[in-house]
Amino acid sequence: MTILYFSTPSCQPCKNLFPYIQEISLNKGVPLQKIDATQDPSLVVQYQVTGVPTVILLGDNGNTLFRHTGIFPKVKLEISIDSAK
């Protein structure tokens, strides 16, 4: 599994959400890839990101296990990770 975290430097909700995503990554042992949507447009297109912050949890085979754009309770991502293990 991998957590993809799409954000931009000027996005305040992105700045607010990132510490929680980072904490989940560390606690659950799931790698985190932080992606600046302004610097990596090819990944934005590939993952069809239409807004930030966007969090995508990818399974080992590349399938999407969780996806959310905007602020959300961290327990949603934690539950998705626990279900996939």
Protein backbone atom coordinates (compact mmCIF):
# COMPACT_ATOMS: atom_id res chain seq x y z
CA MET A 1 0.00 0.00 0.00
CA THR A 2 0.97 3.61 -0.57
CA ILE A 3 -0.67 6.88 0.38
CA LEU A 4 -0.57 9.55 -2.32
CA TYR A 5 -1.09 13.05 -0.93
CA PHE A 6 -1.75 15.74 -3.53
CA SER A 7 -1.41 19.32 -2.35
CA THR A 8 -0.14 22.76 -3.32
CA PRO A 9 2.07 25.12 -1.32
CA SER A 10 -0.62 27.82 -1.12
CA CYS A 11 -3.43 25.50 0.04
CA GLN A 12 -4.21 26.08 3.73
CA PRO A 13 -6.44 22.97 4.08
CA CYS A 14 -3.53 20.97 2.61
CA LYS A 15 -1.21 22.35 5.28
CA ASN A 16 -3.76 21.53 8.00
CA LEU A 17 -4.39 17.96 6.81
CA PHE A 18 -0.80 16.90 6.11
CA PRO A 19 0.31 16.29 9.75
CA TYR A 20 -2.59 13.86 10.21
CA ILE A 21 -1.79 12.00 6.99
CA GLN A 22 1.88 11.84 7.99
CA GLU A 23 0.93 10.49 11.43
CA ILE A 24 -1.25 7.77 9.91
CA SER A 25 1.55 6.83 7.51
CA LEU A 26 4.02 6.43 10.36
CA ASN A 27 1.62 4.65 12.74
CA LYS A 28 0.33 2.20 10.13
CA GLY A 29 3.67 1.64 8.37
CA VAL A 30 2.31 2.74 4.99
CA PRO A 31 4.64 4.73 2.72
CA LEU A 32 3.55 8.29 1.98
CA GLN A 33 4.24 10.12 -1.26
CA LYS A 34 3.57 13.86 -1.01
CA ILE A 35 2.93 15.32 -4.45
CA ASP A 36 2.95 19.03 -5.25
CA ALA A 37 0.15 19.25 -7.81
CA THR A 38 1.71 22.36 -9.35
CA GLN A 39 5.05 20.63 -9.92
CA ASP A 40 3.89 17.22 -11.13
CA PRO A 41 0.95 17.71 -13.52
CA SER A 42 1.46 14.29 -15.12
CA LEU A 43 0.51 12.57 -11.84
CA VAL A 44 -2.44 14.96 -11.44
CA VAL A 45 -3.71 13.80 -14.83
CA GLN A 46 -2.87 10.14 -14.22
CA TYR A 47 -4.84 10.04 -10.95
CA GLN A 48 -7.57 12.44 -12.18
CA VAL A 49 -7.05 14.87 -9.31
CA THR A 50 -9.50 17.76 -9.63
CA GLY A 51 -8.86 19.53 -6.33
CA VAL A 52 -6.53 19.61 -3.34
CA PRO A 53 -5.97 18.21 -0.85
CA THR A 54 -6.59 14.80 -2.39
CA VAL A 55 -5.61 11.61 -0.60
CA ILE A 56 -5.47 8.32 -2.48
CA LEU A 57 -4.65 4.99 -0.86
CA LEU A 58 -3.27 2.58 -3.43
CA GLY A 59 -3.23 -1.17 -2.90
CA ASP A 60 -0.19 -3.28 -3.73
CA ASN A 61 -1.59 -3.96 -7.19
CA GLY A 62 -2.19 -0.25 -7.85
CA ASN A 63 -5.94 -0.29 -7.31
CA THR A 64 -7.56 2.57 -5.40
CA LEU A 65 -8.64 1.51 -1.91
CA PHE A 66 -9.57 4.99 -0.66
CA ARG A 67 -9.91 8.38 -2.26
CA HIS A 68 -11.02 11.70 -0.83
CA THR A 69 -10.71 15.33 -1.87
CA GLY A 70 -10.91 17.94 0.88
CA ILE A 71 -10.77 17.68 4.64
CA PHE A 72 -12.05 14.47 6.26
CA PRO A 73 -11.81 12.67 9.62
CA LYS A 74 -8.54 10.75 9.79
CA VAL A 75 -10.38 7.66 11.03
CA LYS A 76 -11.75 7.15 7.50
CA LEU A 77 -8.26 6.58 6.12
CA GLU A 78 -7.24 4.49 9.13
CA ILE A 79 -10.24 2.20 8.63
CA SER A 80 -9.43 1.81 4.92
CA ILE A 81 -5.83 0.85 5.74
CA ASP A 82 -6.91 -1.63 8.43
CA SER A 83 -9.47 -3.21 6.07
CA ALA A 84 -6.87 -3.72 3.37
CA LYS A 85 -4.31 -5.45 5.58
